[in-house]
C-alpha atoms as a PDB file:
ATOM      1  CA  UNK A   1       4.215  29.139-258.171  1.00  0.00           C
ATOM      2  CA  UNK A   2       3.977  32.670-256.866  1.00  0.00           C
ATOM      3  CA  UNK A   3       1.356  35.275-256.306  1.00  0.00           C
ATOM      4  CA  UNK A   4       1.963  38.310-258.481  1.00  0.00           C
ATOM      5  CA  UNK A   5       2.770  40.238-255.307  1.00  0.00           C
ATOM      6  CA  UNK A   6       4.910  37.541-253.631  1.00  0.00           C
ATOM      7  CA  UNK A   7       8.646  37.729-253.129  1.00  0.00           C
ATOM      8  CA  UNK A   8       9.130  33.959-253.195  1.00  0.00           C
ATOM      9  CA  UNK A   9       7.329  30.865-254.400  1.00  0.00           C
ATOM     10  CA  UNK A  10       7.496  27.171-255.195  1.00  0.00           C
ATOM     11  CA  UNK A  11       8.929  25.553-258.300  1.00  0.00           C
ATOM     12  CA  UNK A  12       6.069  23.610-259.901  1.00  0.00           C
ATOM     13  CA  UNK A  13       7.572  24.030-263.350  1.00  0.00           C
ATOM     14  CA  UNK A  14      10.233  21.426-262.546  1.00  0.00           C
ATOM     15  CA  UNK A  15       7.565  18.891-261.571  1.00  0.00           C
ATOM     16  CA  UNK A  16       5.684  19.566-264.800  1.00  0.00           C
ATOM     17  CA  UNK A  17       8.794  19.339-266.956  1.00  0.00           C
ATOM     18  CA  UNK A  18       9.954  16.143-265.226  1.00  0.00           C
ATOM     19  CA  UNK A  19       6.659  14.454-266.107  1.00  0.00           C
ATOM     20  CA  UNK A  20       5.450  14.123-262.526  1.00  0.00           C
ATOM     21  CA  UNK A  21       1.957  12.568-262.518  1.00  0.00           C
ATOM     22  CA  UNK A  22      -0.930  14.990-261.981  1.00  0.00           C
ATOM     23  CA  UNK A  23      -1.996  13.361-258.716  1.00  0.00           C
ATOM     24  CA  UNK A  24       1.497  13.857-257.251  1.00  0.00           C
ATOM     25  CA  UNK A  25       1.506  17.500-258.356  1.00  0.00           C
ATOM     26  CA  UNK A  26      -1.915  17.946-256.743  1.00  0.00           C
ATOM     27  CA  UNK A  27      -0.612  16.464-253.467  1.00  0.00           C
ATOM     28  CA  UNK A  28       2.400  18.791-253.617  1.00  0.00           C
ATOM     29  CA  UNK A  29       0.124  21.818-254.052  1.00  0.00           C
ATOM     30  CA  UNK A  30      -2.137  20.630-251.219  1.00  0.00           C
ATOM     31  CA  UNK A  31       0.874  20.348-248.875  1.00  0.00           C
ATOM     32  CA  UNK A  32       2.051  23.839-249.809  1.00  0.00           C
ATOM     33  CA  UNK A  33      -1.444  25.317-249.363  1.00  0.00           C
ATOM     34  CA  UNK A  34      -2.022  23.508-246.071  1.00  0.00           C
ATOM     35  CA  UNK A  35       1.294  24.644-244.588  1.00  0.00           C
ATOM     36  CA  UNK A  36       0.839  28.353-245.205  1.00  0.00           C
ATOM     37  CA  UNK A  37       0.695  30.639-242.183  1.00  0.00           C
ATOM     38  CA  UNK A  38      -1.823  33.145-243.506  1.00  0.00           C
ATOM     39  CA  UNK A  39      -5.520  32.540-243.889  1.00  0.00           C
ATOM     40  CA  UNK A  40      -6.305  35.667-245.896  1.00  0.00           C
ATOM     41  CA  UNK A  41      -7.584  33.771-248.932  1.00  0.00           C
ATOM     42  CA  UNK A  42      -9.919  31.622-246.843  1.00  0.00           C
ATOM     43  CA  UNK A  43     -11.263  34.594-244.906  1.00  0.00           C
ATOM     44  CA  UNK A  44     -11.753  36.617-248.087  1.00  0.00           C
ATOM     45  CA  UNK A  45     -13.530  33.704-249.799  1.00  0.00           C
ATOM     46  CA  UNK A  46     -15.948  33.377-246.862  1.00  0.00           C
ATOM     47  CA  UNK A  47     -16.658  37.104-247.136  1.00  0.00           C
ATOM     48  CA  UNK A  48     -17.178  36.877-250.916  1.00  0.00           C
ATOM     49  CA  UNK A  49     -19.611  33.982-250.497  1.00  0.00           C
ATOM     50  CA  UNK A  50     -21.582  35.820-247.812  1.00  0.00           C
ATOM     51  CA  UNK A  51     -21.731  39.037-249.839  1.00  0.00           C
ATOM     52  CA  UNK A  52     -19.739  40.911-247.190  1.00  0.00           C
ATOM     53  CA  UNK A  53     -16.534  41.483-249.157  1.00  0.00           C
ATOM     54  CA  UNK A  54     -15.901  44.982-250.536  1.00  0.00           C
ATOM     55  CA  UNK A  55     -12.558  45.188-252.429  1.00  0.00           C
ATOM     56  CA  UNK A  56     -12.656  49.000-252.486  1.00  0.00           C
ATOM     57  CA  UNK A  57     -12.459  49.039-248.677  1.00  0.00           C
ATOM     58  CA  UNK A  58      -8.979  47.474-248.702  1.00  0.00           C
ATOM     59  CA  UNK A  59      -5.839  49.588-249.093  1.00  0.00           C
ATOM     60  CA  UNK A  60      -3.795  46.956-250.894  1.00  0.00           C
ATOM     61  CA  UNK A  61      -4.543  45.839-254.430  1.00  0.00           C
ATOM     62  CA  UNK A  62      -6.618  42.681-254.349  1.00  0.00           C
ATOM     63  CA  UNK A  63      -6.330  40.021-257.055  1.00  0.00           C
ATOM     64  CA  UNK A  64     -10.121  39.748-257.040  1.00  0.00           C
ATOM     65  CA  UNK A  65     -10.228  43.411-258.134  1.00  0.00           C
ATOM     66  CA  UNK A  66      -7.785  42.701-260.973  1.00  0.00           C
ATOM     67  CA  UNK A  67      -9.728  39.682-262.151  1.00  0.00           C
ATOM     68  CA  UNK A  68      -7.137  37.176-260.921  1.00  0.00           C
END
């Protein structure tokens, strides 16, 4: 699982192909998400919900601008 702009990711395809139950896959994703060092997605989501997020004001390409 990688962001389109990421250099590395996590192999969820193996779990899917091995027939890992959905609840185990969900726990795996939760562990990955909870262990990340950045909080950019959470901060951006709070800004989106409050109406204070303006994608055009950011220099980097934002997935929200691309429809992702």
